Amino acid sequence: MTTMSRSMAAQSGELKRGLAPFGQTIRSTVARRWKLAEHLWQVRKLSEFDDHMLRDLGLHRGDIYTALYCNGGEDATSVLSRLARRKRQF
């Protein structure tokens, strides 16, 4: 192996090590977005419930709307949980 090929191999290894955190960041971002999309789908399924069933869960139709259309990329199921907890406190 020549000096040049050793140097290129070393640079390639450094590049792979340097890109590893980037790959982990991408994977975690994709996993988080997948989870948010899955929770959004679950909340959309709740919107198919009638008002009586939603009341049994401690929710109103407006709560579903709020969770579906909240801003900031917040998890829709977290929004619903917070709304239900607030209602139980009062």
PDB file of N, CA and C in Angstrom:
ATOM      1  N   MET A   1       0.851  -1.176   0.000  1.00  0.00           N
ATOM      2  CA  MET A   1       0.000   0.000   0.000  1.00  0.00           C
ATOM      3  C   MET A   1       0.901   1.244   0.000  1.00  0.00           C
ATOM      4  N   THR A   2       0.616   2.138  -0.855  1.00  0.00           N
ATOM      5  CA  THR A   2       1.442   3.334  -0.964  1.00  0.00           C
ATOM      6  C   THR A   2       1.020   4.357   0.082  1.00  0.00           C
ATOM      7  N   THR A   3       1.853   5.326   0.253  1.00  0.00           N
ATOM      8  CA  THR A   3       1.576   6.392   1.218  1.00  0.00           C
ATOM      9  C   THR A   3       0.303   7.135   0.850  1.00  0.00           C
ATOM     10  N   MET A   4       0.110   7.351  -0.437  1.00  0.00           N
ATOM     11  CA  MET A   4      -1.081   8.073  -0.896  1.00  0.00           C
ATOM     12  C   MET A   4      -2.343   7.264  -0.610  1.00  0.00           C
ATOM     13  N   SER A   5      -2.324   5.961  -0.860  1.00  0.00           N
ATOM     14  CA  SER A   5      -3.515   5.160  -0.611  1.00  0.00           C
ATOM     15  C   SER A   5      -3.788   5.039   0.881  1.00  0.00           C
ATOM     16  N   ARG A   6      -2.721   5.016   1.722  1.00  0.00           N
ATOM     17  CA  ARG A   6      -2.922   5.013   3.178  1.00  0.00           C
ATOM     18  C   ARG A   6      -3.569   6.325   3.624  1.00  0.00           C
ATOM     19  N   SER A   7      -3.100   7.394   3.056  1.00  0.00           N
ATOM     20  CA  SER A   7      -3.644   8.716   3.394  1.00  0.00           C
ATOM     21  C   SER A   7      -5.110   8.813   3.005  1.00  0.00           C
ATOM     22  N   MET A   8      -5.435   8.299   1.824  1.00  0.00           N
ATOM     23  CA  MET A   8      -6.829   8.322   1.375  1.00  0.00           C
ATOM     24  C   MET A   8      -7.696   7.421   2.248  1.00  0.00           C
ATOM     25  N   ALA A   9      -7.173   6.267   2.663  1.00  0.00           N
ATOM     26  CA  ALA A   9      -7.913   5.365   3.540  1.00  0.00           C
ATOM     27  C   ALA A   9      -8.152   6.018   4.893  1.00  0.00           C
ATOM     28  N   ALA A  10      -7.154   6.714   5.412  1.00  0.00           N
ATOM     29  CA  ALA A  10      -7.294   7.407   6.687  1.00  0.00           C
ATOM     30  C   ALA A  10      -8.348   8.506   6.587  1.00  0.00           C
ATOM     31  N   GLN A  11      -8.319   9.258   5.490  1.00  0.00           N
ATOM     32  CA  GLN A  11      -9.302  10.317   5.296  1.00  0.00           C
ATOM     33  C   GLN A  11     -10.707   9.745   5.171  1.00  0.00           C
ATOM     34  N   SER A  12     -10.813   8.608   4.498  1.00  0.00           N
ATOM     35  CA  SER A  12     -12.115   7.959   4.349  1.00  0.00           C
ATOM     36  C   SER A  12     -12.658   7.540   5.713  1.00  0.00           C
ATOM     37  N   GLY A  13     -11.802   6.981   6.562  1.00  0.00           N
ATOM     38  CA  GLY A  13     -12.213   6.590   7.915  1.00  0.00           C
ATOM     39  C   GLY A  13     -12.641   7.783   8.739  1.00  0.00           C
ATOM     40  N   GLU A  14     -11.892   8.868   8.617  1.00  0.00           N
ATOM     41  CA  GLU A  14     -12.233  10.089   9.344  1.00  0.00           C
ATOM     42  C   GLU A  14     -13.578  10.634   8.866  1.00  0.00           C
ATOM     43  N   LEU A  15     -13.794  10.569   7.573  1.00  0.00           N
ATOM     44  CA  LEU A  15     -15.058  11.050   7.020  1.00  0.00           C
ATOM     45  C   LEU A  15     -16.226  10.223   7.549  1.00  0.00           C
ATOM     46  N   LYS A  16     -16.063   8.904   7.570  1.00  0.00           N
ATOM     47  CA  LYS A  16     -17.131   8.039   8.078  1.00  0.00           C
ATOM     48  C   LYS A  16     -17.419   8.331   9.538  1.00  0.00           C
ATOM     49  N   ARG A  17     -16.360   8.496  10.338  1.00  0.00           N
ATOM     50  CA  ARG A  17     -16.555   8.821  11.764  1.00  0.00           C
ATOM     51  C   ARG A  17     -17.202  10.195  11.919  1.00  0.00           C
ATOM     52  N   GLY A  18     -16.847  11.110  11.057  1.00  0.00           N
ATOM     53  CA  GLY A  18     -17.416  12.456  11.120  1.00  0.00           C
ATOM     54  C   GLY A  18     -18.880  12.491  10.719  1.00  0.00           C
ATOM     55  N   LEU A  19     -19.274  11.582   9.836  1.00  0.00           N
ATOM     56  CA  LEU A  19     -20.663  11.547   9.372  1.00  0.00           C
ATOM     57  C   LEU A  19     -21.571  10.727  10.284  1.00  0.00           C
ATOM     58  N   ALA A  20     -20.997   9.914  11.162  1.00  0.00           N
ATOM     59  CA  ALA A  20     -21.809   9.056  12.030  1.00  0.00           C
ATOM     60  C   ALA A  20     -22.798   9.864  12.875  1.00  0.00           C
ATOM     61  N   PRO A  21     -22.382  10.942  13.548  1.00  0.00           N
ATOM     62  CA  PRO A  21     -23.359  11.725  14.318  1.00  0.00           C
ATOM     63  C   PRO A  21     -24.450  12.323  13.439  1.00  0.00           C
ATOM     64  N   PHE A  22     -24.075  12.707  12.216  1.00  0.00           N
ATOM     65  CA  PHE A  22     -25.052  13.253  11.274  1.00  0.00           C
ATOM     66  C   PHE A  22     -26.108  12.204  10.946  1.00  0.00           C
ATOM     67  N   GLY A  23     -25.677  10.979  10.716  1.00  0.00           N
ATOM     68  CA  GLY A  23     -26.608   9.885  10.436  1.00  0.00           C
ATOM     69  C   GLY A  23     -27.522   9.604  11.615  1.00  0.00           C
ATOM     70  N   GLN A  24     -26.978   9.673  12.827  1.00  0.00           N
ATOM     71  CA  GLN A  24     -27.801   9.462  14.021  1.00  0.00           C
ATOM     72  C   GLN A  24     -28.837  10.569  14.165  1.00  0.00           C
ATOM     73  N   THR A  25     -28.433  11.774  13.854  1.00  0.00           N
ATOM     74  CA  THR A  25     -29.357  12.903  13.925  1.00  0.00           C
ATOM     75  C   THR A  25     -30.498  12.723  12.931  1.00  0.00           C
ATOM     76  N   ILE A  26     -30.162  12.293  11.737  1.00  0.00           N
ATOM     77  CA  ILE A  26     -31.201  12.067  10.705  1.00  0.00           C
ATOM     78  C   ILE A  26     -32.157  10.970  11.167  1.00  0.00           C
ATOM     79  N   ARG A  27     -31.594   9.865  11.671  1.00  0.00           N
ATOM     80  CA  ARG A  27     -32.447   8.757  12.131  1.00  0.00           C
ATOM     81  C   ARG A  27     -33.373   9.197  13.251  1.00  0.00           C
ATOM     82  N   SER A  28     -32.854   9.941  14.212  1.00  0.00           N
ATOM     83  CA  SER A  28     -33.703  10.366  15.333  1.00  0.00           C
ATOM     84  C   SER A  28     -34.763  11.363  14.877  1.00  0.00           C
ATOM     85  N   THR A  29     -34.423  12.229  13.918  1.00  0.00           N
ATOM     86  CA  THR A  29     -35.406  13.181  13.386  1.00  0.00           C
ATOM     87  C   THR A  29     -36.519  12.450  12.650  1.00  0.00           C
ATOM     88  N   VAL A  30     -36.153  11.484  11.835  1.00  0.00           N
ATOM     89  CA  VAL A  30     -37.153  10.708  11.091  1.00  0.00           C
ATOM     90  C   VAL A  30     -38.032   9.930  12.062  1.00  0.00           C
ATOM     91  N   ALA A  31     -37.421   9.330  13.088  1.00  0.00           N
ATOM     92  CA  ALA A  31     -38.200   8.562  14.071  1.00  0.00           C
ATOM     93  C   ALA A  31     -39.173   9.461  14.816  1.00  0.00           C
ATOM     94  N   ARG A  32     -38.741  10.662  15.182  1.00  0.00           N
ATOM     95  CA  ARG A  32     -39.632  11.592  15.891  1.00  0.00           C
ATOM     96  C   ARG A  32     -40.788  12.033  14.991  1.00  0.00           C
ATOM     97  N   ARG A  33     -40.483  12.354  13.759  1.00  0.00           N
ATOM     98  CA  ARG A  33     -41.548  12.780  12.836  1.00  0.00           C
ATOM     99  C   ARG A  33     -42.528  11.647  12.569  1.00  0.00           C
ATOM    100  N   TRP A  34     -42.017  10.423  12.491  1.00  0.00           N
ATOM    101  CA  TRP A  34     -42.886   9.262  12.292  1.00  0.00           C
ATOM    102  C   TRP A  34     -43.828   9.110  13.486  1.00  0.00           C
ATOM    103  N   LYS A  35     -43.279   9.276  14.688  1.00  0.00           N
ATOM    104  CA  LYS A  35     -44.090   9.160  15.907  1.00  0.00           C
ATOM    105  C   LYS A  35     -45.157  10.257  15.944  1.00  0.00           C
ATOM    106  N   LEU A  36     -44.783  11.485  15.592  1.00  0.00           N
ATOM    107  CA  LEU A  36     -45.758  12.583  15.571  1.00  0.00           C
ATOM    108  C   LEU A  36     -46.867  12.312  14.560  1.00  0.00           C
ATOM    109  N   ALA A  37     -46.499  11.793  13.386  1.00  0.00           N
ATOM    110  CA  ALA A  37     -47.499  11.487  12.364  1.00  0.00           C
ATOM    111  C   ALA A  37     -48.429  10.365  12.832  1.00  0.00           C
ATOM    112  N   GLU A  38     -47.860   9.379  13.507  1.00  0.00           N
ATOM    113  CA  GLU A  38     -48.676   8.273  14.018  1.00  0.00           C
ATOM    114  C   GLU A  38     -49.659   8.763  15.076  1.00  0.00           C
ATOM    115  N   HIS A  39     -49.206   9.640  15.964  1.00  0.00           N
ATOM    116  CA  HIS A  39     -50.092  10.193  16.994  1.00  0.00           C
ATOM    117  C   HIS A  39     -51.166  11.082  16.375  1.00  0.00           C
ATOM    118  N   LEU A  40     -50.808  11.819  15.346  1.00  0.00           N
ATOM    119  CA  LEU A  40     -51.787  12.643  14.651  1.00  0.00           C
ATOM    120  C   LEU A  40     -52.863  11.766  14.022  1.00  0.00           C
ATOM    121  N   TRP A  41     -52.461  10.652  13.453  1.00  0.00           N
ATOM    122  CA  TRP A  41     -53.414   9.702  12.869  1.00  0.00           C
ATOM    123  C   TRP A  41     -54.347   9.162  13.957  1.00  0.00           C
ATOM    124  N   GLN A  42     -53.813   8.867  15.136  1.00  0.00           N
ATOM    125  CA  GLN A  42     -54.636   8.354  16.231  1.00  0.00           C
ATOM    126  C   GLN A  42     -55.664   9.390  16.674  1.00  0.00           C
ATOM    127  N   VAL A  43     -55.265  10.644  16.739  1.00  0.00           N
ATOM    128  CA  VAL A  43     -56.203  11.701  17.122  1.00  0.00           C
ATOM    129  C   VAL A  43     -57.271  11.867  16.046  1.00  0.00           C
ATOM    130  N   ARG A  44     -56.880  11.749  14.788  1.00  0.00           N
ATOM    131  CA  ARG A  44     -57.882  11.822  13.705  1.00  0.00           C
ATOM    132  C   ARG A  44     -58.906  10.696  13.847  1.00  0.00           C
ATOM    133  N   LYS A  45     -58.471   9.521  14.269  1.00  0.00           N
ATOM    134  CA  LYS A  45     -59.398   8.406  14.498  1.00  0.00           C
ATOM    135  C   LYS A  45     -60.366   8.745  15.627  1.00  0.00           C
ATOM    136  N   LEU A  46     -59.894   9.468  16.643  1.00  0.00           N
ATOM    137  CA  LEU A  46     -60.785   9.891  17.734  1.00  0.00           C
ATOM    138  C   LEU A  46     -61.877  10.824  17.224  1.00  0.00           C
ATOM    139  N   SER A  47     -61.581  11.577  16.186  1.00  0.00           N
ATOM    140  CA  SER A  47     -62.591  12.503  15.665  1.00  0.00           C
ATOM    141  C   SER A  47     -63.782  11.756  15.069  1.00  0.00           C
ATOM    142  N   GLU A  48     -63.624  10.459  14.819  1.00  0.00           N
ATOM    143  CA  GLU A  48     -64.733   9.649  14.319  1.00  0.00           C
ATOM    144  C   GLU A  48     -65.687   9.221  15.437  1.00  0.00           C
ATOM    145  N   PHE A  49     -65.277   9.377  16.693  1.00  0.00           N
ATOM    146  CA  PHE A  49     -66.126   9.024  17.827  1.00  0.00           C
ATOM    147  C   PHE A  49     -67.282  10.015  17.917  1.00  0.00           C
ATOM    148  N   ASP A  50     -68.415   9.556  18.453  1.00  0.00           N
ATOM    149  CA  ASP A  50     -69.510  10.500  18.664  1.00  0.00           C
ATOM    150  C   ASP A  50     -69.245  11.280  19.953  1.00  0.00           C
ATOM    151  N   ASP A  51     -70.045  12.329  20.181  1.00  0.00           N
ATOM    152  CA  ASP A  51     -69.806  13.222  21.315  1.00  0.00           C
ATOM    153  C   ASP A  51     -69.916  12.504  22.655  1.00  0.00           C
ATOM    154  N   HIS A  52     -70.808  11.541  22.759  1.00  0.00           N
ATOM    155  CA  HIS A  52     -70.975  10.790  24.004  1.00  0.00           C
ATOM    156  C   HIS A  52     -69.696   9.999  24.327  1.00  0.00           C
ATOM    157  N   MET A  53     -69.150   9.352  23.323  1.00  0.00           N
ATOM    158  CA  MET A  53     -67.918   8.583  23.533  1.00  0.00           C
ATOM    159  C   MET A  53     -66.758   9.500  23.914  1.00  0.00           C
ATOM    160  N   LEU A  54     -66.691  10.666  23.293  1.00  0.00           N
ATOM    161  CA  LEU A  54     -65.635  11.620  23.638  1.00  0.00           C
ATOM    162  C   LEU A  54     -65.793  12.109  25.077  1.00  0.00           C
ATOM    163  N   ARG A  55     -67.038  12.373  25.505  1.00  0.00           N
ATOM    164  CA  ARG A  55     -67.275  12.800  26.886  1.00  0.00           C
ATOM    165  C   ARG A  55     -66.838  11.722  27.868  1.00  0.00           C
ATOM    166  N   ASP A  56     -67.053  10.453  27.515  1.00  0.00           N
ATOM    167  CA  ASP A  56     -66.604   9.355  28.373  1.00  0.00           C
ATOM    168  C   ASP A  56     -65.082   9.368  28.557  1.00  0.00           C
ATOM    169  N   LEU A  57     -64.391   9.882  27.560  1.00  0.00           N
ATOM    170  CA  LEU A  57     -62.934   9.992  27.643  1.00  0.00           C
ATOM    171  C   LEU A  57     -62.486  11.305  28.280  1.00  0.00           C
ATOM    172  N   GLY A  58     -63.436  12.165  28.606  1.00  0.00           N
ATOM    173  CA  GLY A  58     -63.106  13.459  29.196  1.00  0.00           C
ATOM    174  C   GLY A  58     -62.726  14.498  28.164  1.00  0.00           C
ATOM    175  N   LEU A  59     -63.204  14.299  26.943  1.00  0.00           N
ATOM    176  CA  LEU A  59     -62.857  15.208  25.849  1.00  0.00           C
ATOM    177  C   LEU A  59     -64.106  15.770  25.185  1.00  0.00           C
ATOM    178  N   HIS A  60     -63.916  16.853  24.464  1.00  0.00           N
ATOM    179  CA  HIS A  60     -64.960  17.435  23.630  1.00  0.00           C
ATOM    180  C   HIS A  60     -64.440  17.491  22.194  1.00  0.00           C
ATOM    181  N   ARG A  61     -65.335  17.677  21.266  1.00  0.00           N
ATOM    182  CA  ARG A  61     -64.945  17.738  19.858  1.00  0.00           C
ATOM    183  C   ARG A  61     -63.952  18.883  19.616  1.00  0.00           C
ATOM    184  N   GLY A  62     -64.121  19.973  20.322  1.00  0.00           N
ATOM    185  CA  GLY A  62     -63.194  21.101  20.196  1.00  0.00           C
ATOM    186  C   GLY A  62     -61.783  20.744  20.624  1.00  0.00           C
ATOM    187  N   ASP A  63     -61.669  19.831  21.591  1.00  0.00           N
ATOM    188  CA  ASP A  63     -60.344  19.384  22.022  1.00  0.00           C
ATOM    189  C   ASP A  63     -59.628  18.657  20.889  1.00  0.00           C
ATOM    190  N   ILE A  64     -60.378  17.856  20.154  1.00  0.00           N
ATOM    191  CA  ILE A  64     -59.803  17.126  19.029  1.00  0.00           C
ATOM    192  C   ILE A  64     -59.311  18.133  17.983  1.00  0.00           C
ATOM    193  N   TYR A  65     -60.144  19.126  17.693  1.00  0.00           N
ATOM    194  CA  TYR A  65     -59.766  20.157  16.726  1.00  0.00           C
ATOM    195  C   TYR A  65     -58.499  20.887  17.180  1.00  0.00           C
ATOM    196  N   THR A  66     -58.468  21.252  18.467  1.00  0.00           N
ATOM    197  CA  THR A  66     -57.297  21.952  19.009  1.00  0.00           C
ATOM    198  C   THR A  66     -56.040  21.114  18.846  1.00  0.00           C
ATOM    199  N   ALA A  67     -56.133  19.830  19.171  1.00  0.00           N
ATOM    200  CA  ALA A  67     -54.964  18.948  19.075  1.00  0.00           C
ATOM    201  C   ALA A  67     -54.513  18.767  17.622  1.00  0.00           C
ATOM    202  N   LEU A  68     -55.470  18.685  16.712  1.00  0.00           N
ATOM    203  CA  LEU A  68     -55.118  18.470  15.306  1.00  0.00           C
ATOM    204  C   LEU A  68     -54.477  19.692  14.665  1.00  0.00           C
ATOM    205  N   TYR A  69     -54.903  20.867  15.089  1.00  0.00           N
ATOM    206  CA  TYR A  69     -54.457  22.072  14.415  1.00  0.00           C
ATOM    207  C   TYR A  69     -53.604  22.976  15.286  1.00  0.00           C
ATOM    208  N   CYS A  70     -53.012  22.414  16.345  1.00  0.00           N
ATOM    209  CA  CYS A  70     -52.123  23.224  17.177  1.00  0.00           C
ATOM    210  C   CYS A  70     -50.834  23.489  16.415  1.00  0.00           C
ATOM    211  N   ASN A  71     -50.198  24.587  16.713  1.00  0.00           N
ATOM    212  CA  ASN A  71     -48.972  24.973  16.012  1.00  0.00           C
ATOM    213  C   ASN A  71     -47.747  24.539  16.805  1.00  0.00           C
ATOM    214  N   GLY A  72     -46.619  24.618  16.186  1.00  0.00           N
ATOM    215  CA  GLY A  72     -45.361  24.376  16.863  1.00  0.00           C
ATOM    216  C   GLY A  72     -44.882  22.944  16.820  1.00  0.00           C
ATOM    217  N   GLY A  73     -45.557  22.084  16.099  1.00  0.00           N
ATOM    218  CA  GLY A  73     -45.107  20.707  15.994  1.00  0.00           C
ATOM    219  C   GLY A  73     -45.269  19.912  17.269  1.00  0.00           C
ATOM    220  N   GLU A  74     -46.142  20.377  18.163  1.00  0.00           N
ATOM    221  CA  GLU A  74     -46.360  19.653  19.414  1.00  0.00           C
ATOM    222  C   GLU A  74     -47.142  18.376  19.144  1.00  0.00           C
ATOM    223  N   ASP A  75     -46.850  17.347  19.898  1.00  0.00           N
ATOM    224  CA  ASP A  75     -47.501  16.057  19.748  1.00  0.00           C
ATOM    225  C   ASP A  75     -48.993  16.197  20.060  1.00  0.00           C
ATOM    226  N   ALA A  76     -49.842  15.765  19.135  1.00  0.00           N
ATOM    227  CA  ALA A  76     -51.294  15.914  19.277  1.00  0.00           C
ATOM    228  C   ALA A  76     -51.821  15.154  20.495  1.00  0.00           C
ATOM    229  N   THR A  77     -51.258  13.985  20.795  1.00  0.00           N
ATOM    230  CA  THR A  77     -51.730  13.228  21.960  1.00  0.00           C
ATOM    231  C   THR A  77     -51.337  13.929  23.259  1.00  0.00           C
ATOM    232  N   SER A  78     -50.215  14.624  23.262  1.00  0.00           N
ATOM    233  CA  SER A  78     -49.818  15.394  24.447  1.00  0.00           C
ATOM    234  C   SER A  78     -50.782  16.550  24.682  1.00  0.00           C
ATOM    235  N   VAL A  79     -51.199  17.186  23.600  1.00  0.00           N
ATOM    236  CA  VAL A  79     -52.165  18.287  23.710  1.00  0.00           C
ATOM    237  C   VAL A  79     -53.470  17.765  24.296  1.00  0.00           C
ATOM    238  N   LEU A  80     -53.951  16.633  23.799  1.00  0.00           N
ATOM    239  CA  LEU A  80     -55.196  16.053  24.319  1.00  0.00           C
ATOM    240  C   LEU A  80     -55.071  15.687  25.788  1.00  0.00           C
ATOM    241  N   SER A  81     -53.965  15.106  26.164  1.00  0.00           N
ATOM    242  CA  SER A  81     -53.750  14.739  27.569  1.00  0.00           C
ATOM    243  C   SER A  81     -53.790  15.967  28.466  1.00  0.00           C
ATOM    244  N   ARG A  82     -53.119  17.020  28.031  1.00  0.00           N
ATOM    245  CA  ARG A  82     -53.099  18.251  28.818  1.00  0.00           C
ATOM    246  C   ARG A  82     -54.495  18.852  28.944  1.00  0.00           C
ATOM    247  N   LEU A  83     -55.265  18.858  27.863  1.00  0.00           N
ATOM    248  CA  LEU A  83     -56.625  19.392  27.906  1.00  0.00           C
ATOM    249  C   LEU A  83     -57.508  18.573  28.844  1.00  0.00           C
ATOM    250  N   ALA A  84     -57.394  17.252  28.789  1.00  0.00           N
ATOM    251  CA  ALA A  84     -58.199  16.394  29.654  1.00  0.00           C
ATOM    252  C   ALA A  84     -57.825  16.593  31.121  1.00  0.00           C
ATOM    253  N   ARG A  85     -56.530  16.733  31.411  1.00  0.00           N
ATOM    254  CA  ARG A  85     -56.086  16.958  32.801  1.00  0.00           C
ATOM    255  C   ARG A  85     -56.627  18.271  33.337  1.00  0.00           C
ATOM    256  N   ARG A  86     -56.608  19.312  32.510  1.00  0.00           N
ATOM    257  CA  ARG A  86     -57.112  20.620  32.958  1.00  0.00           C
ATOM    258  C   ARG A  86     -58.598  20.523  33.331  1.00  0.00           C
ATOM    259  N   LYS A  87     -59.353  19.752  32.558  1.00  0.00           N
ATOM    260  CA  LYS A  87     -60.783  19.623  32.834  1.00  0.00           C
ATOM    261  C   LYS A  87     -61.020  18.869  34.136  1.00  0.00           C
ATOM    262  N   ARG A  88     -60.198  17.897  34.433  1.00  0.00           N
ATOM    263  CA  ARG A  88     -60.363  17.117  35.665  1.00  0.00           C
ATOM    264  C   ARG A  88     -60.030  17.949  36.881  1.00  0.00           C
ATOM    265  N   GLN A  89     -59.145  18.935  36.734  1.00  0.00           N
ATOM    266  CA  GLN A  89     -58.741  19.771  37.873  1.00  0.00           C
ATOM    267  C   GLN A  89     -59.853  20.701  38.306  1.00  0.00           C
ATOM    268  N   PHE A  90     -60.745  21.034  37.390  1.00  0.00           N
ATOM    269  CA  PHE A  90     -61.801  22.004  37.727  1.00  0.00           C
ATOM    270  C   PHE A  90     -63.094  21.348  37.997  1.00  0.00           C
TER     271      PHE A  90
END
